[in-house]
């Protein structure tokens, strides 16, 4: 019985640790119920987060249980997808990770031909 209890405890700790390790840092685009036109930002350090919404309003936040964050200053929670690409807040706001495309390479230099 002790082995079973220890296994359940270890599995629970593993699930909690794994969910805290989902990388949430990055730029997000608001898709629904947006407060402004700009990008939103998430900076993560372990289970601690700093959020800045699309209107530039900041909030400290943390992962309070697997798949869920709590934004203290905004006094609301949010669920995040297992891959960290989507965050959906209790008020209906939805953020999707902004995919930034790399800049295209510069054009090749023109070759000058001499007339002879």
Protein backbone atom coordinates (compact mmCIF):
# COMPACT_ATOMS: atom_id res chain seq x y z
CA UNK A 1 0.00 0.00 0.00
CA UNK A 2 2.88 2.38 0.79
CA UNK A 3 4.37 1.71 -2.65
CA UNK A 4 1.05 2.59 -4.33
CA UNK A 5 0.72 5.81 -2.32
CA UNK A 6 4.32 6.79 -3.13
CA UNK A 7 3.72 6.05 -6.83
CA UNK A 8 0.59 8.21 -6.90
CA UNK A 9 2.42 11.04 -5.12
CA UNK A 10 5.38 10.80 -7.53
CA UNK A 11 3.05 10.82 -10.55
CA UNK A 12 1.22 13.88 -9.20
CA UNK A 13 4.50 15.70 -8.67
CA UNK A 14 5.61 14.77 -12.18
CA UNK A 15 2.37 16.07 -13.74
CA UNK A 16 2.62 19.34 -11.78
CA UNK A 17 6.28 19.78 -12.72
CA UNK A 18 5.61 18.97 -16.38
CA UNK A 19 2.78 21.48 -16.62
CA UNK A 20 4.94 24.17 -15.03
CA UNK A 21 7.57 23.49 -17.69
CA UNK A 22 5.29 24.31 -20.63
CA UNK A 23 7.08 27.24 -22.26
CA UNK A 24 4.68 30.18 -22.24
CA UNK A 25 7.19 33.00 -22.81
CA UNK A 26 6.69 34.89 -26.01
CA UNK A 27 4.52 37.25 -28.00
CA UNK A 28 0.82 36.57 -28.38
CA UNK A 29 -1.80 37.99 -30.71
CA UNK A 30 -5.25 38.61 -29.29
CA UNK A 31 -7.95 36.83 -31.29
CA UNK A 32 -11.10 37.52 -29.27
CA UNK A 33 -12.40 40.10 -26.77
CA UNK A 34 -9.27 42.23 -27.22
CA UNK A 35 -8.44 45.29 -25.11
CA UNK A 36 -6.24 46.88 -27.77
CA UNK A 37 -4.55 46.43 -31.15
CA UNK A 38 -1.01 45.54 -30.03
CA UNK A 39 0.65 42.23 -29.21
CA UNK A 40 0.49 40.72 -25.71
CA UNK A 41 3.61 39.41 -23.97
CA UNK A 42 4.32 36.61 -21.51
CA UNK A 43 7.62 36.22 -19.66
CA UNK A 44 7.99 33.03 -17.64
CA UNK A 45 10.40 31.98 -14.92
CA UNK A 46 9.39 28.54 -13.67
CA UNK A 47 5.78 28.85 -12.55
CA UNK A 48 6.00 32.66 -12.14
CA UNK A 49 4.79 34.84 -15.02
CA UNK A 50 4.75 38.48 -16.04
CA UNK A 51 1.93 39.33 -18.45
CA UNK A 52 1.36 42.45 -20.53
CA UNK A 53 -1.92 42.51 -22.40
CA UNK A 54 -2.56 43.97 -25.84
CA UNK A 55 -3.44 47.36 -24.25
CA UNK A 56 -0.09 47.50 -22.40
CA UNK A 57 -1.52 46.67 -18.95
CA UNK A 58 0.84 44.49 -16.86
CA UNK A 59 0.04 41.79 -14.32
CA UNK A 60 2.03 39.34 -12.24
CA UNK A 61 0.75 35.81 -12.64
CA UNK A 62 1.60 32.22 -11.79
CA UNK A 63 0.67 28.68 -12.72
CA UNK A 64 -1.60 27.73 -9.83
CA UNK A 65 -2.43 24.24 -11.05
CA UNK A 66 -1.72 22.24 -14.22
CA UNK A 67 -3.04 24.03 -17.31
CA UNK A 68 -4.21 27.11 -15.38
CA UNK A 69 -2.72 30.49 -14.55
CA UNK A 70 -3.89 33.24 -12.22
CA UNK A 71 -3.28 36.90 -13.17
CA UNK A 72 -3.19 38.78 -9.86
CA UNK A 73 -3.61 42.39 -11.01
CA UNK A 74 -6.39 41.48 -13.46
CA UNK A 75 -8.06 39.28 -10.83
CA UNK A 76 -8.82 36.51 -13.29
CA UNK A 77 -7.69 33.09 -14.33
CA UNK A 78 -6.88 31.55 -17.67
CA UNK A 79 -6.37 28.10 -19.12
CA UNK A 80 -3.51 27.38 -21.46
CA UNK A 81 -3.13 24.66 -24.04
CA UNK A 82 -0.73 21.77 -23.43
CA UNK A 83 1.60 23.12 -26.13
CA UNK A 84 1.49 26.68 -24.75
CA UNK A 85 0.21 28.15 -28.02
CA UNK A 86 -3.18 29.35 -26.74
CA UNK A 87 -4.25 31.14 -23.56
CA UNK A 88 -7.96 31.64 -22.87
CA UNK A 89 -8.94 33.99 -20.04
CA UNK A 90 -12.07 33.75 -17.90
CA UNK A 91 -13.44 36.98 -19.45
CA UNK A 92 -13.39 35.42 -22.94
CA UNK A 93 -10.14 36.95 -24.17
CA UNK A 94 -8.12 34.50 -26.29
CA UNK A 95 -4.42 34.87 -27.05
CA UNK A 96 -2.62 32.82 -29.71
CA UNK A 97 1.17 32.70 -29.87
CA UNK A 98 2.38 35.07 -32.60
CA UNK A 99 4.47 33.26 -35.17
CA UNK A 100 7.16 35.63 -36.33
CA UNK A 101 8.54 34.80 -39.74
CA UNK A 102 12.23 35.35 -40.39
CA UNK A 103 13.23 38.21 -42.65
CA UNK A 104 13.85 37.14 -46.24
CA UNK A 105 17.48 37.19 -47.37
CA UNK A 106 18.63 40.33 -49.16
CA UNK A 107 18.59 40.21 -52.96
CA UNK A 108 21.74 39.02 -54.65
CA UNK A 109 23.99 41.85 -55.87
CA UNK A 110 23.61 42.69 -59.53
CA UNK A 111 26.45 41.54 -61.74
CA UNK A 112 27.79 44.32 -63.94
CA UNK A 113 28.97 43.31 -67.35
CA UNK A 114 31.60 45.34 -69.10
CA UNK A 115 31.21 46.14 -72.77
CA UNK A 116 34.22 45.43 -74.77
